[in-house]
Amino acid sequence: MNDASQLATAMVAITFTAMLLITGQWFVDYQLEHEARAPIVRMVALPP
């Protein structure tokens, strides 16, 4: 492979990874803001 195609492949991989990180963060923020629920697992306090 020549250097230009290796550079292009690396740029595509970096861009794809960055977009996954950004959209994943947006998804998590949206879920926390709009779908906030009580946790399924709760801590149980034992009597003293």
PDB file of N, CA and C in Angstrom:
ATOM      1  N   MET A   1       0.839  -1.183   0.000  1.00  0.00           N
ATOM      2  CA  MET A   1       0.000   0.000   0.000  1.00  0.00           C
ATOM      3  C   MET A   1       0.881   1.242   0.000  1.00  0.00           C
ATOM      4  N   ASN A   2       0.386   2.244  -0.633  1.00  0.00           N
ATOM      5  CA  ASN A   2       1.173   3.473  -0.621  1.00  0.00           C
ATOM      6  C   ASN A   2       0.790   4.347   0.572  1.00  0.00           C
ATOM      7  N   ASP A   3       1.572   5.377   0.785  1.00  0.00           N
ATOM      8  CA  ASP A   3       1.381   6.215   1.976  1.00  0.00           C
ATOM      9  C   ASP A   3       0.058   6.957   1.964  1.00  0.00           C
ATOM     10  N   ALA A   4      -0.415   7.359   0.799  1.00  0.00           N
ATOM     11  CA  ALA A   4      -1.669   8.120   0.731  1.00  0.00           C
ATOM     12  C   ALA A   4      -2.852   7.259   1.174  1.00  0.00           C
ATOM     13  N   SER A   5      -2.898   6.014   0.746  1.00  0.00           N
ATOM     14  CA  SER A   5      -4.031   5.179   1.137  1.00  0.00           C
ATOM     15  C   SER A   5      -3.959   4.807   2.617  1.00  0.00           C
ATOM     16  N   GLN A   6      -2.765   4.642   3.160  1.00  0.00           N
ATOM     17  CA  GLN A   6      -2.630   4.374   4.594  1.00  0.00           C
ATOM     18  C   GLN A   6      -3.076   5.571   5.411  1.00  0.00           C
ATOM     19  N   LEU A   7      -2.721   6.757   4.964  1.00  0.00           N
ATOM     20  CA  LEU A   7      -3.139   7.976   5.661  1.00  0.00           C
ATOM     21  C   LEU A   7      -4.655   8.129   5.590  1.00  0.00           C
ATOM     22  N   ALA A   8      -5.232   7.868   4.428  1.00  0.00           N
ATOM     23  CA  ALA A   8      -6.682   7.978   4.280  1.00  0.00           C
ATOM     24  C   ALA A   8      -7.400   6.984   5.178  1.00  0.00           C
ATOM     25  N   THR A   9      -6.899   5.772   5.253  1.00  0.00           N
ATOM     26  CA  THR A   9      -7.508   4.753   6.113  1.00  0.00           C
ATOM     27  C   THR A   9      -7.407   5.161   7.578  1.00  0.00           C
ATOM     28  N   ALA A  10      -6.272   5.677   7.982  1.00  0.00           N
ATOM     29  CA  ALA A  10      -6.103   6.125   9.367  1.00  0.00           C
ATOM     30  C   ALA A  10      -7.041   7.277   9.687  1.00  0.00           C
ATOM     31  N   MET A  11      -7.216   8.210   8.768  1.00  0.00           N
ATOM     32  CA  MET A  11      -8.105   9.346   8.995  1.00  0.00           C
ATOM     33  C   MET A  11      -9.559   8.889   9.119  1.00  0.00           C
ATOM     34  N   VAL A  12      -9.961   7.930   8.285  1.00  0.00           N
ATOM     35  CA  VAL A  12     -11.321   7.397   8.379  1.00  0.00           C
ATOM     36  C   VAL A  12     -11.522   6.714   9.729  1.00  0.00           C
ATOM     37  N   ALA A  13     -10.552   5.932  10.169  1.00  0.00           N
ATOM     38  CA  ALA A  13     -10.664   5.238  11.454  1.00  0.00           C
ATOM     39  C   ALA A  13     -10.741   6.231  12.607  1.00  0.00           C
ATOM     40  N   ILE A  14      -9.926   7.269  12.582  1.00  0.00           N
ATOM     41  CA  ILE A  14      -9.940   8.277  13.643  1.00  0.00           C
ATOM     42  C   ILE A  14     -11.261   9.032  13.651  1.00  0.00           C
ATOM     43  N   THR A  15     -11.752   9.399  12.481  1.00  0.00           N
ATOM     44  CA  THR A  15     -13.022  10.122  12.393  1.00  0.00           C
ATOM     45  C   THR A  15     -14.175   9.264  12.887  1.00  0.00           C
ATOM     46  N   PHE A  16     -14.190   8.000  12.491  1.00  0.00           N
ATOM     47  CA  PHE A  16     -15.246   7.087  12.930  1.00  0.00           C
ATOM     48  C   PHE A  16     -15.233   6.925  14.448  1.00  0.00           C
ATOM     49  N   THR A  17     -14.065   6.769  15.018  1.00  0.00           N
ATOM     50  CA  THR A  17     -13.950   6.620  16.466  1.00  0.00           C
ATOM     51  C   THR A  17     -14.414   7.882  17.184  1.00  0.00           C
ATOM     52  N   ALA A  18     -14.030   9.039  16.690  1.00  0.00           N
ATOM     53  CA  ALA A  18     -14.449  10.299  17.301  1.00  0.00           C
ATOM     54  C   ALA A  18     -15.962  10.465  17.244  1.00  0.00           C
ATOM     55  N   MET A  19     -16.556  10.112  16.112  1.00  0.00           N
ATOM     56  CA  MET A  19     -18.007  10.240  15.995  1.00  0.00           C
ATOM     57  C   MET A  19     -18.726   9.270  16.932  1.00  0.00           C
ATOM     58  N   LEU A  20     -18.196   8.064  17.105  1.00  0.00           N
ATOM     59  CA  LEU A  20     -18.798   7.131  18.063  1.00  0.00           C
ATOM     60  C   LEU A  20     -18.736   7.682  19.482  1.00  0.00           C
ATOM     61  N   LEU A  21     -17.606   8.271  19.858  1.00  0.00           N
ATOM     62  CA  LEU A  21     -17.477   8.843  21.200  1.00  0.00           C
ATOM     63  C   LEU A  21     -18.448   9.997  21.403  1.00  0.00           C
ATOM     64  N   ILE A  22     -18.572  10.858  20.410  1.00  0.00           N
ATOM     65  CA  ILE A  22     -19.452  12.027  20.530  1.00  0.00           C
ATOM     66  C   ILE A  22     -20.909  11.603  20.603  1.00  0.00           C
ATOM     67  N   THR A  23     -21.338  10.739  19.686  1.00  0.00           N
ATOM     68  CA  THR A  23     -22.744  10.324  19.702  1.00  0.00           C
ATOM     69  C   THR A  23     -23.065   9.476  20.927  1.00  0.00           C
ATOM     70  N   GLY A  24     -22.107   8.706  21.410  1.00  0.00           N
ATOM     71  CA  GLY A  24     -22.323   7.950  22.636  1.00  0.00           C
ATOM     72  C   GLY A  24     -22.521   8.858  23.829  1.00  0.00           C
ATOM     73  N   GLN A  25     -21.746   9.920  23.894  1.00  0.00           N
ATOM     74  CA  GLN A  25     -21.899  10.879  24.985  1.00  0.00           C
ATOM     75  C   GLN A  25     -23.246  11.581  24.902  1.00  0.00           C
ATOM     76  N   TRP A  26     -23.665  11.956  23.691  1.00  0.00           N
ATOM     77  CA  TRP A  26     -24.990  12.570  23.516  1.00  0.00           C
ATOM     78  C   TRP A  26     -26.088  11.626  23.980  1.00  0.00           C
ATOM     79  N   PHE A  27     -25.959  10.348  23.635  1.00  0.00           N
ATOM     80  CA  PHE A  27     -26.970   9.363  24.029  1.00  0.00           C
ATOM     81  C   PHE A  27     -27.045   9.235  25.540  1.00  0.00           C
ATOM     82  N   VAL A  28     -25.903   9.153  26.201  1.00  0.00           N
ATOM     83  CA  VAL A  28     -25.886   9.027  27.656  1.00  0.00           C
ATOM     84  C   VAL A  28     -26.476  10.274  28.306  1.00  0.00           C
ATOM     85  N   ASP A  29     -26.103  11.446  27.831  1.00  0.00           N
ATOM     86  CA  ASP A  29     -26.647  12.684  28.385  1.00  0.00           C
ATOM     87  C   ASP A  29     -28.165  12.744  28.204  1.00  0.00           C
ATOM     88  N   TYR A  30     -28.644  12.343  27.032  1.00  0.00           N
ATOM     89  CA  TYR A  30     -30.088  12.355  26.780  1.00  0.00           C
ATOM     90  C   TYR A  30     -30.799  11.389  27.721  1.00  0.00           C
ATOM     91  N   GLN A  31     -30.255  10.193  27.888  1.00  0.00           N
ATOM     92  CA  GLN A  31     -30.877   9.209  28.757  1.00  0.00           C
ATOM     93  C   GLN A  31     -30.922   9.712  30.200  1.00  0.00           C
ATOM     94  N   LEU A  32     -29.846  10.333  30.660  1.00  0.00           N
ATOM     95  CA  LEU A  32     -29.826  10.840  32.032  1.00  0.00           C
ATOM     96  C   LEU A  32     -30.810  11.982  32.216  1.00  0.00           C
ATOM     97  N   GLU A  33     -30.991  12.791  31.181  1.00  0.00           N
ATOM     98  CA  GLU A  33     -31.871  13.949  31.306  1.00  0.00           C
ATOM     99  C   GLU A  33     -33.342  13.576  31.172  1.00  0.00           C
ATOM    100  N   HIS A  34     -33.671  12.696  30.246  1.00  0.00           N
ATOM    101  CA  HIS A  34     -35.068  12.421  29.944  1.00  0.00           C
ATOM    102  C   HIS A  34     -35.596  11.112  30.513  1.00  0.00           C
ATOM    103  N   GLU A  35     -34.744  10.213  30.844  1.00  0.00           N
ATOM    104  CA  GLU A  35     -35.193   8.908  31.304  1.00  0.00           C
ATOM    105  C   GLU A  35     -34.675   8.611  32.710  1.00  0.00           C
ATOM    106  N   ALA A  36     -34.535   9.652  33.530  1.00  0.00           N
ATOM    107  CA  ALA A  36     -34.000   9.456  34.880  1.00  0.00           C
ATOM    108  C   ALA A  36     -34.985   8.624  35.691  1.00  0.00           C
ATOM    109  N   ARG A  37     -34.504   7.516  36.197  1.00  0.00           N
ATOM    110  CA  ARG A  37     -35.330   6.621  37.008  1.00  0.00           C
ATOM    111  C   ARG A  37     -34.568   6.262  38.272  1.00  0.00           C
ATOM    112  N   ALA A  38     -35.288   5.674  39.200  1.00  0.00           N
ATOM    113  CA  ALA A  38     -34.637   5.196  40.410  1.00  0.00           C
ATOM    114  C   ALA A  38     -33.751   4.003  40.037  1.00  0.00           C
ATOM    115  N   PRO A  39     -32.640   3.858  40.687  1.00  0.00           N
ATOM    116  CA  PRO A  39     -31.780   2.717  40.372  1.00  0.00           C
ATOM    117  C   PRO A  39     -32.466   1.393  40.702  1.00  0.00           C
ATOM    118  N   ILE A  40     -32.150   0.386  39.935  1.00  0.00           N
ATOM    119  CA  ILE A  40     -32.747  -0.931  40.147  1.00  0.00           C
ATOM    120  C   ILE A  40     -32.185  -1.560  41.423  1.00  0.00           C
ATOM    121  N   VAL A  41     -30.899  -1.411  41.637  1.00  0.00           N
ATOM    122  CA  VAL A  41     -30.256  -1.964  42.819  1.00  0.00           C
ATOM    123  C   VAL A  41     -30.126  -0.851  43.853  1.00  0.00           C
ATOM    124  N   ARG A  42     -30.622  -1.112  45.039  1.00  0.00           N
ATOM    125  CA  ARG A  42     -30.562  -0.100  46.105  1.00  0.00           C
ATOM    126  C   ARG A  42     -29.735  -0.640  47.254  1.00  0.00           C
ATOM    127  N   MET A  43     -29.090   0.272  47.948  1.00  0.00           N
ATOM    128  CA  MET A  43     -28.313  -0.106  49.114  1.00  0.00           C
ATOM    129  C   MET A  43     -29.280  -0.337  50.283  1.00  0.00           C
ATOM    130  N   VAL A  44     -29.016  -1.356  51.052  1.00  0.00           N
ATOM    131  CA  VAL A  44     -29.841  -1.678  52.206  1.00  0.00           C
ATOM    132  C   VAL A  44     -29.019  -1.382  53.462  1.00  0.00           C
ATOM    133  N   ALA A  45     -29.590  -0.577  54.347  1.00  0.00           N
ATOM    134  CA  ALA A  45     -28.905  -0.258  55.583  1.00  0.00           C
ATOM    135  C   ALA A  45     -29.323  -1.256  56.661  1.00  0.00           C
ATOM    136  N   LEU A  46     -28.351  -1.832  57.304  1.00  0.00           N
ATOM    137  CA  LEU A  46     -28.626  -2.756  58.405  1.00  0.00           C
ATOM    138  C   LEU A  46     -28.813  -1.962  59.685  1.00  0.00           C
ATOM    139  N   PRO A  47     -29.673  -2.440  60.573  1.00  0.00           N
ATOM    140  CA  PRO A  47     -29.874  -1.715  61.825  1.00  0.00           C
ATOM    141  C   PRO A  47     -28.601  -1.767  62.675  1.00  0.00           C
ATOM    142  N   PRO A  48     -28.366  -0.733  63.460  1.00  0.00           N
ATOM    143  CA  PRO A  48     -27.135  -0.709  64.288  1.00  0.00           C
ATOM    144  C   PRO A  48     -27.123  -1.726  65.398  1.00  0.00           C
TER     145      PRO A  48
END
